[in-house]
Amino acid sequence: MVQVSVKLGDDSIGFRVSVRAESIEQAVSLTSERYPGSKVRVLFPIDPESFFIGDQGLVGAPVSLEMPGEAAG
């Protein structure tokens, strides 16, 4: 299981979500399903310390949320 940060929305307006899933591809897919119509992209660089998380938590469950005023492009 992995944990990645994804950005929802465009460059000017959006927010970040940290997602746990079986793969990066699944994290993007689950986020797209949860937020239909939103642009979803993986944020790089991926933090190697928090990338592999084993079997902790629920697959696809958002771990944290960063609101638009706090989001970095």
PDB file of N, CA and C in Angstrom:
ATOM      1  N   MET A   1       0.836  -1.166   0.000  1.00  0.00           N
ATOM      2  CA  MET A   1       0.000   0.000   0.000  1.00  0.00           C
ATOM      3  C   MET A   1       0.892   1.245   0.000  1.00  0.00           C
ATOM      4  N   VAL A   2       0.431   2.292  -0.703  1.00  0.00           N
ATOM      5  CA  VAL A   2       1.192   3.531  -0.804  1.00  0.00           C
ATOM      6  C   VAL A   2       0.337   4.717  -0.364  1.00  0.00           C
ATOM      7  N   GLN A   3       1.005   5.824  -0.114  1.00  0.00           N
ATOM      8  CA  GLN A   3       0.320   7.074   0.214  1.00  0.00           C
ATOM      9  C   GLN A   3       0.915   8.163  -0.659  1.00  0.00           C
ATOM     10  N   VAL A   4       0.070   8.872  -1.410  1.00  0.00           N
ATOM     11  CA  VAL A   4       0.533   9.959  -2.270  1.00  0.00           C
ATOM     12  C   VAL A   4      -0.356  11.179  -2.076  1.00  0.00           C
ATOM     13  N   SER A   5       0.191  12.344  -2.391  1.00  0.00           N
ATOM     14  CA  SER A   5      -0.578  13.576  -2.375  1.00  0.00           C
ATOM     15  C   SER A   5      -1.023  13.867  -3.789  1.00  0.00           C
ATOM     16  N   VAL A   6      -2.282  14.235  -3.934  1.00  0.00           N
ATOM     17  CA  VAL A   6      -2.816  14.624  -5.234  1.00  0.00           C
ATOM     18  C   VAL A   6      -3.431  16.005  -5.106  1.00  0.00           C
ATOM     19  N   LYS A   7      -3.416  16.746  -6.198  1.00  0.00           N
ATOM     20  CA  LYS A   7      -4.032  18.067  -6.224  1.00  0.00           C
ATOM     21  C   LYS A   7      -5.295  17.984  -7.048  1.00  0.00           C
ATOM     22  N   LEU A   8      -6.363  18.547  -6.514  1.00  0.00           N
ATOM     23  CA  LEU A   8      -7.638  18.626  -7.206  1.00  0.00           C
ATOM     24  C   LEU A   8      -7.846  20.051  -7.665  1.00  0.00           C
ATOM     25  N   GLY A   9      -8.308  20.231  -8.894  1.00  0.00           N
ATOM     26  CA  GLY A   9      -8.560  21.560  -9.414  1.00  0.00           C
ATOM     27  C   GLY A   9      -7.438  22.026 -10.313  1.00  0.00           C
ATOM     28  N   ASP A  10      -7.535  23.295 -10.707  1.00  0.00           N
ATOM     29  CA  ASP A  10      -6.508  23.825 -11.606  1.00  0.00           C
ATOM     30  C   ASP A  10      -5.407  24.525 -10.804  1.00  0.00           C
ATOM     31  N   ASP A  11      -4.509  25.209 -11.512  1.00  0.00           N
ATOM     32  CA  ASP A  11      -3.364  25.829 -10.846  1.00  0.00           C
ATOM     33  C   ASP A  11      -3.757  26.975  -9.923  1.00  0.00           C
ATOM     34  N   SER A  12      -4.819  27.715 -10.271  1.00  0.00           N
ATOM     35  CA  SER A  12      -5.188  28.874  -9.460  1.00  0.00           C
ATOM     36  C   SER A  12      -6.095  28.521  -8.285  1.00  0.00           C
ATOM     37  N   ILE A  13      -6.967  27.542  -8.468  1.00  0.00           N
ATOM     38  CA  ILE A  13      -7.884  27.144  -7.405  1.00  0.00           C
ATOM     39  C   ILE A  13      -7.827  25.628  -7.265  1.00  0.00           C
ATOM     40  N   GLY A  14      -7.656  25.166  -6.059  1.00  0.00           N
ATOM     41  CA  GLY A  14      -7.623  23.731  -5.834  1.00  0.00           C
ATOM     42  C   GLY A  14      -7.202  23.423  -4.420  1.00  0.00           C
ATOM     43  N   PHE A  15      -7.132  22.144  -4.133  1.00  0.00           N
ATOM     44  CA  PHE A  15      -6.673  21.715  -2.820  1.00  0.00           C
ATOM     45  C   PHE A  15      -5.983  20.373  -2.940  1.00  0.00           C
ATOM     46  N   ARG A  16      -5.234  20.024  -1.897  1.00  0.00           N
ATOM     47  CA  ARG A  16      -4.476  18.775  -1.871  1.00  0.00           C
ATOM     48  C   ARG A  16      -5.178  17.759  -1.005  1.00  0.00           C
ATOM     49  N   VAL A  17      -5.068  16.503  -1.415  1.00  0.00           N
ATOM     50  CA  VAL A  17      -5.582  15.390  -0.637  1.00  0.00           C
ATOM     51  C   VAL A  17      -4.491  14.329  -0.594  1.00  0.00           C
ATOM     52  N   SER A  18      -4.255  13.763   0.566  1.00  0.00           N
ATOM     53  CA  SER A  18      -3.325  12.655   0.701  1.00  0.00           C
ATOM     54  C   SER A  18      -4.152  11.379   0.679  1.00  0.00           C
ATOM     55  N   VAL A  19      -3.816  10.459  -0.231  1.00  0.00           N
ATOM     56  CA  VAL A  19      -4.629   9.268  -0.465  1.00  0.00           C
ATOM     57  C   VAL A  19      -3.810   8.000  -0.258  1.00  0.00           C
ATOM     58  N   ARG A  20      -4.426   7.013   0.370  1.00  0.00           N
ATOM     59  CA  ARG A  20      -3.823   5.685   0.529  1.00  0.00           C
ATOM     60  C   ARG A  20      -4.501   4.734  -0.440  1.00  0.00           C
ATOM     61  N   ALA A  21      -3.698   3.958  -1.168  1.00  0.00           N
ATOM     62  CA  ALA A  21      -4.235   3.010  -2.147  1.00  0.00           C
ATOM     63  C   ALA A  21      -3.186   1.942  -2.421  1.00  0.00           C
ATOM     64  N   GLU A  22      -3.560   0.963  -3.239  1.00  0.00           N
ATOM     65  CA  GLU A  22      -2.644  -0.113  -3.598  1.00  0.00           C
ATOM     66  C   GLU A  22      -1.566   0.344  -4.568  1.00  0.00           C
ATOM     67  N   SER A  23      -1.832   1.421  -5.329  1.00  0.00           N
ATOM     68  CA  SER A  23      -0.863   1.934  -6.303  1.00  0.00           C
ATOM     69  C   SER A  23      -1.149   3.417  -6.549  1.00  0.00           C
ATOM     70  N   ILE A  24      -0.227   4.096  -7.204  1.00  0.00           N
ATOM     71  CA  ILE A  24      -0.439   5.498  -7.566  1.00  0.00           C
ATOM     72  C   ILE A  24      -1.620   5.610  -8.516  1.00  0.00           C
ATOM     73  N   GLU A  25      -1.692   4.708  -9.481  1.00  0.00           N
ATOM     74  CA  GLU A  25      -2.787   4.707 -10.447  1.00  0.00           C
ATOM     75  C   GLU A  25      -4.141   4.565  -9.747  1.00  0.00           C
ATOM     76  N   GLN A  26      -4.220   3.677  -8.772  1.00  0.00           N
ATOM     77  CA  GLN A  26      -5.471   3.489  -8.045  1.00  0.00           C
ATOM     78  C   GLN A  26      -5.805   4.729  -7.204  1.00  0.00           C
ATOM     79  N   ALA A  27      -4.803   5.378  -6.634  1.00  0.00           N
ATOM     80  CA  ALA A  27      -5.041   6.599  -5.856  1.00  0.00           C
ATOM     81  C   ALA A  27      -5.664   7.680  -6.732  1.00  0.00           C
ATOM     82  N   VAL A  28      -5.152   7.848  -7.945  1.00  0.00           N
ATOM     83  CA  VAL A  28      -5.704   8.835  -8.874  1.00  0.00           C
ATOM     84  C   VAL A  28      -7.128   8.443  -9.269  1.00  0.00           C
ATOM     85  N   SER A  29      -7.337   7.167  -9.561  1.00  0.00           N
ATOM     86  CA  SER A  29      -8.656   6.685  -9.958  1.00  0.00           C
ATOM     87  C   SER A  29      -9.689   6.881  -8.848  1.00  0.00           C
ATOM     88  N   LEU A  30      -9.334   6.513  -7.625  1.00  0.00           N
ATOM     89  CA  LEU A  30     -10.250   6.665  -6.495  1.00  0.00           C
ATOM     90  C   LEU A  30     -10.585   8.132  -6.242  1.00  0.00           C
ATOM     91  N   THR A  31      -9.584   8.994  -6.364  1.00  0.00           N
ATOM     92  CA  THR A  31      -9.811  10.423  -6.155  1.00  0.00           C
ATOM     93  C   THR A  31     -10.710  10.990  -7.245  1.00  0.00           C
ATOM     94  N   SER A  32     -10.501  10.557  -8.487  1.00  0.00           N
ATOM     95  CA  SER A  32     -11.347  11.005  -9.598  1.00  0.00           C
ATOM     96  C   SER A  32     -12.793  10.573  -9.403  1.00  0.00           C
ATOM     97  N   GLU A  33     -12.993   9.374  -8.874  1.00  0.00           N
ATOM     98  CA  GLU A  33     -14.342   8.886  -8.606  1.00  0.00           C
ATOM     99  C   GLU A  33     -15.003   9.685  -7.476  1.00  0.00           C
ATOM    100  N   ARG A  34     -14.226  10.020  -6.471  1.00  0.00           N
ATOM    101  CA  ARG A  34     -14.766  10.740  -5.310  1.00  0.00           C
ATOM    102  C   ARG A  34     -15.077  12.199  -5.636  1.00  0.00           C
ATOM    103  N   TYR A  35     -14.289  12.798  -6.534  1.00  0.00           N
ATOM    104  CA  TYR A  35     -14.468  14.193  -6.933  1.00  0.00           C
ATOM    105  C   TYR A  35     -14.662  14.265  -8.444  1.00  0.00           C
ATOM    106  N   PRO A  36     -15.820  13.799  -8.950  1.00  0.00           N
ATOM    107  CA  PRO A  36     -16.038  13.776 -10.404  1.00  0.00           C
ATOM    108  C   PRO A  36     -15.983  15.179 -11.013  1.00  0.00           C
ATOM    109  N   GLY A  37     -15.393  15.263 -12.175  1.00  0.00           N
ATOM    110  CA  GLY A  37     -15.287  16.536 -12.873  1.00  0.00           C
ATOM    111  C   GLY A  37     -14.087  17.374 -12.464  1.00  0.00           C
ATOM    112  N   SER A  38     -13.348  16.950 -11.459  1.00  0.00           N
ATOM    113  CA  SER A  38     -12.169  17.689 -11.013  1.00  0.00           C
ATOM    114  C   SER A  38     -10.922  17.175 -11.707  1.00  0.00           C
ATOM    115  N   LYS A  39     -10.025  18.079 -12.006  1.00  0.00           N
ATOM    116  CA  LYS A  39      -8.720  17.696 -12.535  1.00  0.00           C
ATOM    117  C   LYS A  39      -7.921  17.124 -11.372  1.00  0.00           C
ATOM    118  N   VAL A  40      -7.354  15.930 -11.541  1.00  0.00           N
ATOM    119  CA  VAL A  40      -6.588  15.257 -10.488  1.00  0.00           C
ATOM    120  C   VAL A  40      -5.177  15.006 -11.002  1.00  0.00           C
ATOM    121  N   ARG A  41      -4.184  15.422 -10.203  1.00  0.00           N
ATOM    122  CA  ARG A  41      -2.806  15.129 -10.601  1.00  0.00           C
ATOM    123  C   ARG A  41      -1.967  14.819  -9.366  1.00  0.00           C
ATOM    124  N   VAL A  42      -1.038  13.898  -9.538  1.00  0.00           N
ATOM    125  CA  VAL A  42      -0.129  13.506  -8.464  1.00  0.00           C
ATOM    126  C   VAL A  42       0.894  14.614  -8.271  1.00  0.00           C
ATOM    127  N   LEU A  43       1.167  14.935  -7.013  1.00  0.00           N
ATOM    128  CA  LEU A  43       2.163  15.959  -6.701  1.00  0.00           C
ATOM    129  C   LEU A  43       3.529  15.305  -6.510  1.00  0.00           C
ATOM    130  N   PHE A  44       4.518  15.852  -7.189  1.00  0.00           N
ATOM    131  CA  PHE A  44       5.887  15.377  -7.093  1.00  0.00           C
ATOM    132  C   PHE A  44       6.747  16.463  -6.478  1.00  0.00           C
ATOM    133  N   PRO A  45       7.818  16.159  -5.809  1.00  0.00           N
ATOM    134  CA  PRO A  45       8.336  14.807  -5.610  1.00  0.00           C
ATOM    135  C   PRO A  45       7.540  14.073  -4.539  1.00  0.00           C
ATOM    136  N   ILE A  46       7.515  12.761  -4.654  1.00  0.00           N
ATOM    137  CA  ILE A  46       6.846  11.912  -3.672  1.00  0.00           C
ATOM    138  C   ILE A  46       7.817  11.707  -2.511  1.00  0.00           C
ATOM    139  N   ASP A  47       7.313  11.898  -1.303  1.00  0.00           N
ATOM    140  CA  ASP A  47       8.127  11.742  -0.100  1.00  0.00           C
ATOM    141  C   ASP A  47       8.420  10.265   0.135  1.00  0.00           C
ATOM    142  N   PRO A  48       9.674   9.839   0.024  1.00  0.00           N
ATOM    143  CA  PRO A  48       9.995   8.412   0.196  1.00  0.00           C
ATOM    144  C   PRO A  48       9.735   7.908   1.618  1.00  0.00           C
ATOM    145  N   GLU A  49       9.765   8.788   2.610  1.00  0.00           N
ATOM    146  CA  GLU A  49       9.539   8.380   3.998  1.00  0.00           C
ATOM    147  C   GLU A  49       8.097   7.956   4.255  1.00  0.00           C
ATOM    148  N   SER A  50       7.148   8.547   3.533  1.00  0.00           N
ATOM    149  CA  SER A  50       5.734   8.233   3.781  1.00  0.00           C
ATOM    150  C   SER A  50       5.066   7.512   2.607  1.00  0.00           C
ATOM    151  N   PHE A  51       5.836   7.156   1.576  1.00  0.00           N
ATOM    152  CA  PHE A  51       5.248   6.538   0.387  1.00  0.00           C
ATOM    153  C   PHE A  51       4.725   5.126   0.658  1.00  0.00           C
ATOM    154  N   PHE A  52       5.558   4.238   1.177  1.00  0.00           N
ATOM    155  CA  PHE A  52       5.127   2.871   1.472  1.00  0.00           C
ATOM    156  C   PHE A  52       4.590   2.818   2.885  1.00  0.00           C
ATOM    157  N   ILE A  53       3.321   2.402   3.038  1.00  0.00           N
ATOM    158  CA  ILE A  53       2.700   2.408   4.363  1.00  0.00           C
ATOM    159  C   ILE A  53       2.218   1.036   4.815  1.00  0.00           C
ATOM    160  N   GLY A  54       2.522  -0.011   4.063  1.00  0.00           N
ATOM    161  CA  GLY A  54       2.074  -1.343   4.461  1.00  0.00           C
ATOM    162  C   GLY A  54       0.564  -1.455   4.345  1.00  0.00           C
ATOM    163  N   ASP A  55      -0.070  -2.151   5.281  1.00  0.00           N
ATOM    164  CA  ASP A  55      -1.517  -2.360   5.234  1.00  0.00           C
ATOM    165  C   ASP A  55      -2.276  -1.438   6.169  1.00  0.00           C
ATOM    166  N   GLN A  56      -1.715  -0.300   6.512  1.00  0.00           N
ATOM    167  CA  GLN A  56      -2.371   0.633   7.424  1.00  0.00           C
ATOM    168  C   GLN A  56      -3.541   1.338   6.747  1.00  0.00           C
ATOM    169  N   GLY A  57      -4.592   1.568   7.495  1.00  0.00           N
ATOM    170  CA  GLY A  57      -5.691   2.419   7.040  1.00  0.00           C
ATOM    171  C   GLY A  57      -6.551   1.814   5.968  1.00  0.00           C
ATOM    172  N   LEU A  58      -7.517   2.586   5.531  1.00  0.00           N
ATOM    173  CA  LEU A  58      -8.458   2.176   4.504  1.00  0.00           C
ATOM    174  C   LEU A  58      -7.956   2.607   3.143  1.00  0.00           C
ATOM    175  N   VAL A  59      -8.131   1.754   2.151  1.00  0.00           N
ATOM    176  CA  VAL A  59      -7.750   2.101   0.793  1.00  0.00           C
ATOM    177  C   VAL A  59      -8.636   3.235   0.311  1.00  0.00           C
ATOM    178  N   GLY A  60      -8.024   4.253  -0.263  1.00  0.00           N
ATOM    179  CA  GLY A  60      -8.755   5.374  -0.824  1.00  0.00           C
ATOM    180  C   GLY A  60      -9.248   6.388   0.182  1.00  0.00           C
ATOM    181  N   ALA A  61      -9.031   6.167   1.455  1.00  0.00           N
ATOM    182  CA  ALA A  61      -9.491   7.113   2.467  1.00  0.00           C
ATOM    183  C   ALA A  61      -8.568   8.321   2.495  1.00  0.00           C
ATOM    184  N   PRO A  62      -9.138   9.526   2.356  1.00  0.00           N
ATOM    185  CA  PRO A  62      -8.275  10.708   2.449  1.00  0.00           C
ATOM    186  C   PRO A  62      -7.606  10.757   3.816  1.00  0.00           C
ATOM    187  N   VAL A  63      -6.344  11.067   3.823  1.00  0.00           N
ATOM    188  CA  VAL A  63      -5.581  11.132   5.065  1.00  0.00           C
ATOM    189  C   VAL A  63      -5.563  12.560   5.581  1.00  0.00           C
ATOM    190  N   SER A  64      -5.386  13.514   4.690  1.00  0.00           N
ATOM    191  CA  SER A  64      -5.411  14.910   5.089  1.00  0.00           C
ATOM    192  C   SER A  64      -5.929  15.751   3.940  1.00  0.00           C
ATOM    193  N   LEU A  65      -6.355  16.941   4.276  1.00  0.00           N
ATOM    194  CA  LEU A  65      -6.935  17.831   3.289  1.00  0.00           C
ATOM    195  C   LEU A  65      -6.353  19.217   3.481  1.00  0.00           C
ATOM    196  N   GLU A  66      -5.908  19.841   2.399  1.00  0.00           N
ATOM    197  CA  GLU A  66      -5.366  21.188   2.465  1.00  0.00           C
ATOM    198  C   GLU A  66      -6.265  22.078   1.632  1.00  0.00           C
ATOM    199  N   MET A  67      -6.841  23.105   2.220  1.00  0.00           N
ATOM    200  CA  MET A  67      -7.810  23.959   1.550  1.00  0.00           C
ATOM    201  C   MET A  67      -7.119  24.931   0.588  1.00  0.00           C
ATOM    202  N   PRO A  68      -7.895  25.525  -0.360  1.00  0.00           N
ATOM    203  CA  PRO A  68      -7.320  26.349  -1.421  1.00  0.00           C
ATOM    204  C   PRO A  68      -6.374  27.445  -0.958  1.00  0.00           C
ATOM    205  N   GLY A  69      -6.658  28.150   0.098  1.00  0.00           N
ATOM    206  CA  GLY A  69      -5.796  29.233   0.550  1.00  0.00           C
ATOM    207  C   GLY A  69      -4.434  28.757   1.009  1.00  0.00           C
ATOM    208  N   GLU A  70      -4.319  27.477   1.352  1.00  0.00           N
ATOM    209  CA  GLU A  70      -3.068  26.914   1.847  1.00  0.00           C
ATOM    210  C   GLU A  70      -2.299  26.162   0.774  1.00  0.00           C
ATOM    211  N   ALA A  71      -2.946  25.853  -0.342  1.00  0.00           N
ATOM    212  CA  ALA A  71      -2.351  24.998  -1.367  1.00  0.00           C
ATOM    213  C   ALA A  71      -1.209  25.703  -2.078  1.00  0.00           C
ATOM    214  N   ALA A  72      -0.171  24.949  -2.305  1.00  0.00           N
ATOM    215  CA  ALA A  72       0.967  25.451  -3.078  1.00  0.00           C
ATOM    216  C   ALA A  72       0.894  24.871  -4.471  1.00  0.00           C
ATOM    217  N   GLY A  73       1.221  25.645  -5.468  1.00  0.00           N
ATOM    218  CA  GLY A  73       1.157  25.205  -6.852  1.00  0.00           C
ATOM    219  C   GLY A  73       2.218  24.286  -7.142  1.00  0.00           C
TER     220      GLY A  73
END
